[in-house]
Structures are given as structure tokens and as C-alpha cells.
Amino acid sequence: MTHSLARLPVSSVLAACILVWTSASAFSANWNAVVLAEIRKMPHGGGYAVTSEAGRRFRESVSTKGSRLVVDANTAKPSYCSSATYLLLLEVLNEAARTGALKLDASATDALIPRPLADGHGVWGRWNANGPGAAMLFHELGAGENFTSLAAAKPGDFLKIFWNDAVGKQERGHLVVYLGFDEREDGQWIRFWSSNKPDGYGEKAVHSSKIAQMLFSRLTNPSAFSKAAQLPKVEPYLSRLLEVESSFREACAKVDATDLPEASSPSTTP
């Protein structure tokens, strides 16, 4: 048994999603489909690295022209998971602006530019943080919904994978875009797009037994990013996670995950 669209490549998943684009309003409402469409335009490969050089190239890949974001993901090589998914998010926001679903002024655009910010500081510092960084950004802005149920997930959802049960100082995580899952002879495999070790930009699949926790974030209201400059300078919970330990339950509560697990549940992995 296979999850809907799970075994199809991104191009086929996109083709299926296009069937529901019957009008401009339908197109603007189906942001998962837009995420998948923008993945098709992203580079392939380029290597994976979490280094100062990778950070510099990432920051150089984004600029502004008036109130418009200019993104060149090919400049951001090598890349890493949060940089790759953030560039993808910016391209989705560009598409939202193009279709009239988002109006950015110069202050909002400037707030979206990645800078060398500490975890929890600004827009990029939230996205790049340990714990529920992307989910927190969506929650604070009102840009989408957060949840933990794999059964509720759809291709095109952003996904924070926790490789261990730690949230905070000891966590090991990966920020990706969910593409579906396969049921194979040896069990369930989760498919996703991101910058992955060792190749960089591209798709990957891992056995679900390797995943401790999953926190999904679905973009539903890109117009909320017009308020990017109005965010508090620092989100205090995220800003502390490099130094302290939290828990998956606390992380879910902080971002109003709609299916908050019971305190006794050690994992949401099926």
C-alpha cells in the first residue's frame, strides 16, 4: 500500500496537482502545489556543507530590487537544509507576490533577507533555529498550520525531522519538504526534498525507523509575510535552544501544533 502520490517523482506529483488549478483563485489557494512547482526550478547537487563559506554564499544568493526579492539558488552552493528550504520559501513568496496573493513593502522584503543572525533572531534566525524554527515562524505570522500526524501530511508540506528525541542543545534535525512515503518490503520510507548529505540539493528517502519525531508545517496564508518586519526582534524560546534542552511536546505546544501528542507518547512516528 502506498501513500497517495508517494512513489511519483516531483514532476508527476506536480502534474497531478495541476489538475486542481482550475482558476487563478484555485492556484493561489493550493500552496503545496506551488511549493512542488518551485522545487522543480531549484538546482541539483552542489554539495552539502555547514561552513562559514556556505553561509556566505547563501547570503549572497538573495538580494532585493525595490520591494522584490531576487533569489539565485545556484549561488548558494554548497548548501545545507535550512538554507535550501529558506530559498525555496522565498521563491514561493515571489510566486505569491506575482499572483497578487502577497504584497511586500520594502521593510518586509528587507526583513526576509538572510543575515548572520543568531537562532531565534529575525526571520532567518527563526527558520534556522534548533527546535521548531520554521513552525514557529508560521505560527507567529499566522502563515500556516503545524501538526505532527503523518496521516494528515501532504506533498509540499515543510517538515522538521528530529533524528533523536532531543529538542534543543542535543538535538539532531533536518529541515525538508515532505514528498510522501512508500510502503516497501522492509517497511515505511519517508521521501523528502532538501539539501542532503553528501550531494546537496535533491530528493532523498529514509526508513521511518531512523526518525524519532516529525513536525509538519503547511503554508496556507503567504500574505502573512507582509508582516515580516513586525515580528519581535527575538523569539525567546528559540533563542535559548542552543544552550538548553526542551521536549517535543513543549515544542509542539509553542507552535500550536493542531494534534499535540499526549505527554505519555514518546514518538509520533508510525
Protein backbone atom coordinates (compact mmCIF):
# COMPACT_ATOMS: atom_id res chain seq x y z
CA MET A 1 0.00 0.00 0.00
CA THR A 2 1.37 3.40 -0.99
CA HIS A 3 0.56 6.87 0.28
CA SER A 4 -1.18 9.00 -2.35
CA LEU A 5 1.39 10.34 -4.85
CA ALA A 6 4.16 8.87 -2.71
CA ARG A 7 6.07 6.93 -5.35
CA LEU A 8 5.84 9.56 -8.04
CA PRO A 9 8.72 11.94 -8.78
CA VAL A 10 8.18 15.63 -8.07
CA SER A 11 7.28 16.24 -11.73
CA SER A 12 4.46 13.68 -11.59
CA VAL A 13 3.23 14.93 -8.24
CA LEU A 14 3.14 18.43 -9.72
CA ALA A 15 1.21 17.20 -12.78
CA ALA A 16 -1.40 15.69 -10.50
CA CYS A 17 -1.64 18.92 -8.51
CA ILE A 18 -2.07 20.97 -11.68
CA LEU A 19 -5.39 19.20 -12.27
CA VAL A 20 -6.91 21.21 -9.44
CA TRP A 21 -5.65 24.54 -10.75
CA THR A 22 -8.91 25.42 -12.46
CA SER A 23 -8.71 29.16 -11.81
CA ALA A 24 -6.37 31.84 -10.52
CA SER A 25 -8.07 31.63 -7.15
CA ALA A 26 -7.63 27.85 -7.00
CA PHE A 27 -3.99 28.23 -7.95
CA SER A 28 -3.35 30.77 -5.22
CA ALA A 29 -5.06 28.57 -2.63
CA ASN A 30 -3.03 25.43 -3.40
CA TRP A 31 0.28 26.46 -1.91
CA ASN A 32 1.55 22.89 -1.56
CA ALA A 33 1.37 22.64 -5.33
CA VAL A 34 3.30 25.89 -5.66
CA VAL A 35 5.99 24.55 -3.31
CA LEU A 36 6.32 21.46 -5.52
CA ALA A 37 6.46 23.59 -8.66
CA GLU A 38 9.26 25.71 -7.21
CA ILE A 39 11.23 22.59 -6.23
CA ARG A 40 11.37 21.72 -9.93
CA LYS A 41 13.17 25.02 -10.57
CA MET A 42 15.75 24.57 -7.82
CA PRO A 43 19.31 23.43 -8.60
CA HIS A 44 20.51 19.86 -8.22
CA GLY A 45 23.56 18.78 -6.29
CA GLY A 46 26.24 21.30 -5.44
CA GLY A 47 27.33 19.55 -2.26
CA TYR A 48 26.30 19.80 1.37
CA ALA A 49 28.28 21.80 3.94
CA VAL A 50 27.61 23.71 7.14
CA THR A 51 30.55 26.11 6.96
CA SER A 52 31.13 29.84 7.01
CA GLU A 53 31.71 29.69 3.24
CA ALA A 54 28.34 28.00 2.70
CA GLY A 55 26.71 30.67 4.87
CA ARG A 56 28.36 33.46 2.93
CA ARG A 57 27.27 32.03 -0.41
CA PHE A 58 23.74 31.59 0.91
CA ARG A 59 23.52 35.22 1.98
CA GLU A 60 24.91 36.33 -1.38
CA SER A 61 22.18 34.36 -3.17
CA VAL A 62 19.40 36.72 -2.04
CA SER A 63 19.07 40.41 -2.85
CA THR A 64 16.30 42.92 -3.41
CA LYS A 65 15.17 45.06 -6.31
CA GLY A 66 12.79 47.61 -4.88
CA SER A 67 10.26 45.56 -2.94
CA ARG A 68 11.01 42.40 -4.94
CA LEU A 69 13.16 39.52 -3.76
CA VAL A 70 15.82 38.29 -6.17
CA VAL A 71 16.89 34.70 -5.47
CA ASP A 72 19.73 32.83 -7.18
CA ALA A 73 19.93 29.41 -5.55
CA ASN A 74 22.80 28.39 -7.83
CA THR A 75 24.99 30.85 -5.93
CA ALA A 76 24.24 29.02 -2.68
CA LYS A 77 26.49 26.02 -3.30
CA PRO A 78 27.39 24.14 -1.19
CA SER A 79 24.14 24.35 0.74
CA TYR A 80 22.53 22.98 3.88
CA CYS A 81 18.99 22.05 4.85
CA SER A 82 17.76 25.32 6.32
CA SER A 83 19.37 27.43 3.58
CA ALA A 84 17.87 25.28 0.80
CA THR A 85 14.37 25.29 2.26
CA TYR A 86 14.54 29.02 3.02
CA LEU A 87 15.48 29.83 -0.59
CA LEU A 88 12.59 27.64 -1.70
CA LEU A 89 10.25 29.52 0.66
CA LEU A 90 11.38 32.85 -0.79
CA GLU A 91 10.68 31.62 -4.32
CA VAL A 92 7.19 30.55 -3.21
CA LEU A 93 6.68 34.04 -1.76
CA ASN A 94 7.85 35.54 -5.06
CA GLU A 95 5.18 33.49 -6.83
CA ALA A 96 2.60 34.64 -4.28
CA ALA A 97 3.60 38.25 -5.00
CA ARG A 98 3.44 37.66 -8.73
CA THR A 99 -0.13 36.34 -8.50
CA GLY A 100 -1.24 39.12 -6.15
CA ALA A 101 -1.61 36.87 -3.09
CA LEU A 102 1.16 38.73 -1.25
CA LYS A 103 2.09 42.38 -1.17
CA LEU A 104 5.55 43.15 0.18
CA ASP A 105 6.76 46.62 1.00
CA ALA A 106 10.45 47.48 1.29
CA SER A 107 10.53 46.85 5.04
CA ALA A 108 9.04 43.37 4.73
CA THR A 109 11.37 42.47 1.89
CA ASP A 110 14.35 43.69 3.88
CA ALA A 111 13.27 41.58 6.86
CA LEU A 112 13.31 38.46 4.65
CA ILE A 113 16.92 38.95 3.56
CA PRO A 114 19.13 36.33 5.27
CA ARG A 115 21.76 37.85 7.50
CA PRO A 116 24.19 36.31 10.02
CA LEU A 117 21.61 36.25 12.81
CA ALA A 118 21.61 34.14 15.96
CA ASP A 119 18.95 31.47 16.40
CA GLY A 120 15.56 32.99 17.14
CA HIS A 121 16.54 36.45 15.84
CA GLY A 122 14.67 37.89 12.88
CA VAL A 123 13.03 35.84 10.13
CA TRP A 124 16.07 33.87 9.05
CA GLY A 125 17.18 33.30 12.64
CA ARG A 126 13.82 31.72 13.37
CA TRP A 127 13.88 29.47 10.28
CA ASN A 128 17.45 28.37 11.01
CA ALA A 129 16.93 27.70 14.73
CA ASN A 130 17.06 24.43 16.58
CA GLY A 131 13.68 23.00 17.52
CA PRO A 132 10.51 24.17 15.74
CA GLY A 133 12.09 27.08 13.87
CA ALA A 134 10.05 27.05 10.64
CA ALA A 135 6.92 26.08 12.55
CA MET A 136 7.43 28.99 14.94
CA LEU A 137 7.74 31.43 12.04
CA PHE A 138 4.48 30.19 10.51
CA HIS A 139 2.80 30.31 13.92
CA GLU A 140 3.91 33.84 14.80
CA LEU A 141 2.95 35.26 11.42
CA GLY A 142 -0.25 33.24 11.01
CA ALA A 143 1.16 31.93 7.72
CA GLY A 144 0.13 28.30 8.10
CA GLU A 145 -0.67 25.38 10.33
CA ASN A 146 1.58 22.99 12.26
CA PHE A 147 0.84 19.34 13.03
CA THR A 148 2.56 16.02 13.75
CA SER A 149 0.33 13.44 12.03
CA LEU A 150 1.87 11.66 9.06
CA ALA A 151 -1.64 10.63 8.05
CA ALA A 152 -2.54 14.31 7.63
CA ALA A 153 0.63 15.24 5.71
CA LYS A 154 0.59 16.16 2.03
CA PRO A 155 3.42 16.50 -0.50
CA GLY A 156 4.63 20.10 -0.33
CA ASP A 157 4.41 20.42 3.47
CA PHE A 158 7.56 21.67 5.18
CA LEU A 159 8.85 19.13 7.67
CA LYS A 160 11.27 19.25 10.59
CA ILE A 161 12.71 15.78 11.12
CA PHE A 162 14.19 15.01 14.52
CA TRP A 163 16.68 12.16 14.28
CA ASN A 164 16.73 11.81 18.08
CA ASP A 165 14.30 12.59 20.88
CA ALA A 166 16.21 15.70 21.98
CA VAL A 167 14.94 19.21 21.24
CA GLY A 168 17.48 21.91 21.89
CA LYS A 169 21.17 21.61 22.68
CA GLN A 170 21.46 17.88 21.97
CA GLU A 171 19.07 17.61 19.05
CA ARG A 172 19.90 16.28 15.63
CA GLY A 173 17.49 17.51 12.99
CA HIS A 174 16.85 18.10 9.32
CA LEU A 175 14.53 20.67 7.66
CA VAL A 176 12.95 19.38 4.46
CA VAL A 177 9.89 19.41 2.21
CA TYR A 178 7.79 16.28 2.54
CA LEU A 179 7.12 14.38 -0.72
CA GLY A 180 5.25 11.32 0.53
CA PHE A 181 6.02 7.84 1.82
CA ASP A 182 6.40 4.37 0.37
CA GLU A 183 5.47 1.04 1.90
CA ARG A 184 8.27 -1.30 0.87
CA GLU A 185 9.15 -4.87 1.79
CA ASP A 186 11.32 -3.64 4.66
CA GLY A 187 8.79 -1.13 5.96
CA GLN A 188 7.94 2.53 5.54
CA TRP A 189 10.23 5.04 3.81
CA ILE A 190 9.77 8.81 4.10
CA ARG A 191 10.58 10.82 0.98
CA PHE A 192 11.64 14.48 1.02
CA TRP A 193 13.49 17.27 -0.77
CA SER A 194 16.16 19.46 0.82
CA SER A 195 19.91 19.90 0.81
CA ASN A 196 21.03 16.46 1.91
CA LYS A 197 24.36 14.89 2.77
CA PRO A 198 26.53 14.48 0.75
CA ASP A 199 25.14 15.69 -2.57
CA GLY A 200 23.29 18.90 -1.71
CA TYR A 201 20.02 19.91 -3.41
CA GLY A 202 17.81 16.95 -4.24
CA GLU A 203 15.44 14.22 -3.11
CA LYS A 204 16.13 11.55 -0.51
CA ALA A 205 14.27 8.77 1.30
CA VAL A 206 14.92 7.36 4.77
CA HIS A 207 13.42 4.46 6.66
CA SER A 208 10.89 5.67 9.22
CA SER A 209 12.74 3.78 11.95
CA LYS A 210 15.54 6.34 11.69
CA ILE A 211 13.15 9.20 12.56
CA ALA A 212 12.31 9.97 16.18
CA GLN A 213 9.77 12.79 15.64
CA MET A 214 8.21 14.78 12.80
CA LEU A 215 6.73 18.28 12.88
CA PHE A 216 4.94 19.40 9.71
CA SER A 217 4.22 23.00 8.67
CA ARG A 218 1.79 23.76 5.85
CA LEU A 219 1.84 27.17 4.16
CA THR A 220 -1.77 28.36 3.82
CA ASN A 221 -1.54 32.14 4.07
CA PRO A 222 1.54 33.62 2.37
CA SER A 223 0.01 37.10 2.66
CA ALA A 224 1.06 36.97 6.33
CA PHE A 225 4.67 37.51 5.26
CA SER A 226 3.76 41.12 4.56
CA LYS A 227 4.11 41.47 8.36
CA ALA A 228 7.66 40.07 8.44
CA ALA A 229 9.16 43.36 9.62
CA GLN A 230 6.69 43.50 12.52
CA LEU A 231 7.95 40.34 14.22
CA PRO A 232 9.59 40.85 17.61
CA LYS A 233 13.34 41.09 17.21
CA VAL A 234 13.87 37.88 19.19
CA GLU A 235 11.73 34.80 19.79
CA PRO A 236 12.88 33.82 23.31
CA TYR A 237 12.13 30.09 23.20
CA LEU A 238 14.10 29.51 20.00
CA SER A 239 16.93 31.78 21.09
CA ARG A 240 17.67 29.56 24.11
CA LEU A 241 17.64 26.17 22.39
CA LEU A 242 21.34 26.09 21.59
CA GLU A 243 22.02 26.17 25.33
CA VAL A 244 19.11 24.35 26.97
CA GLU A 245 17.02 21.23 26.49
CA SER A 246 13.33 21.24 25.69
CA SER A 247 10.99 18.42 24.63
CA PHE A 248 8.99 17.55 21.56
CA ARG A 249 5.76 18.08 23.47
CA GLU A 250 6.85 21.56 24.58
CA ALA A 251 7.97 22.40 21.03
CA CYS A 252 4.55 21.37 19.67
CA ALA A 253 2.77 23.43 22.31
CA LYS A 254 4.87 26.51 21.49
CA VAL A 255 3.80 26.40 17.84
CA ASP A 256 0.18 25.33 18.44
CA ALA A 257 0.52 22.01 16.64
CA THR A 258 -3.05 21.01 15.92
CA ASP A 259 -2.60 17.38 17.00
CA LEU A 260 -0.46 17.85 20.11
CA PRO A 261 0.66 14.39 21.25
CA GLU A 262 -0.18 13.07 24.69
CA ALA A 263 2.55 13.60 27.27
CA SER A 264 2.99 9.83 27.54
CA SER A 265 3.56 9.41 23.80
CA PRO A 266 7.30 9.08 23.11
CA SER A 267 7.04 9.44 19.35
CA THR A 268 4.67 10.39 16.55
CA THR A 269 6.45 8.15 14.08
CA PRO A 270 4.04 5.47 12.80
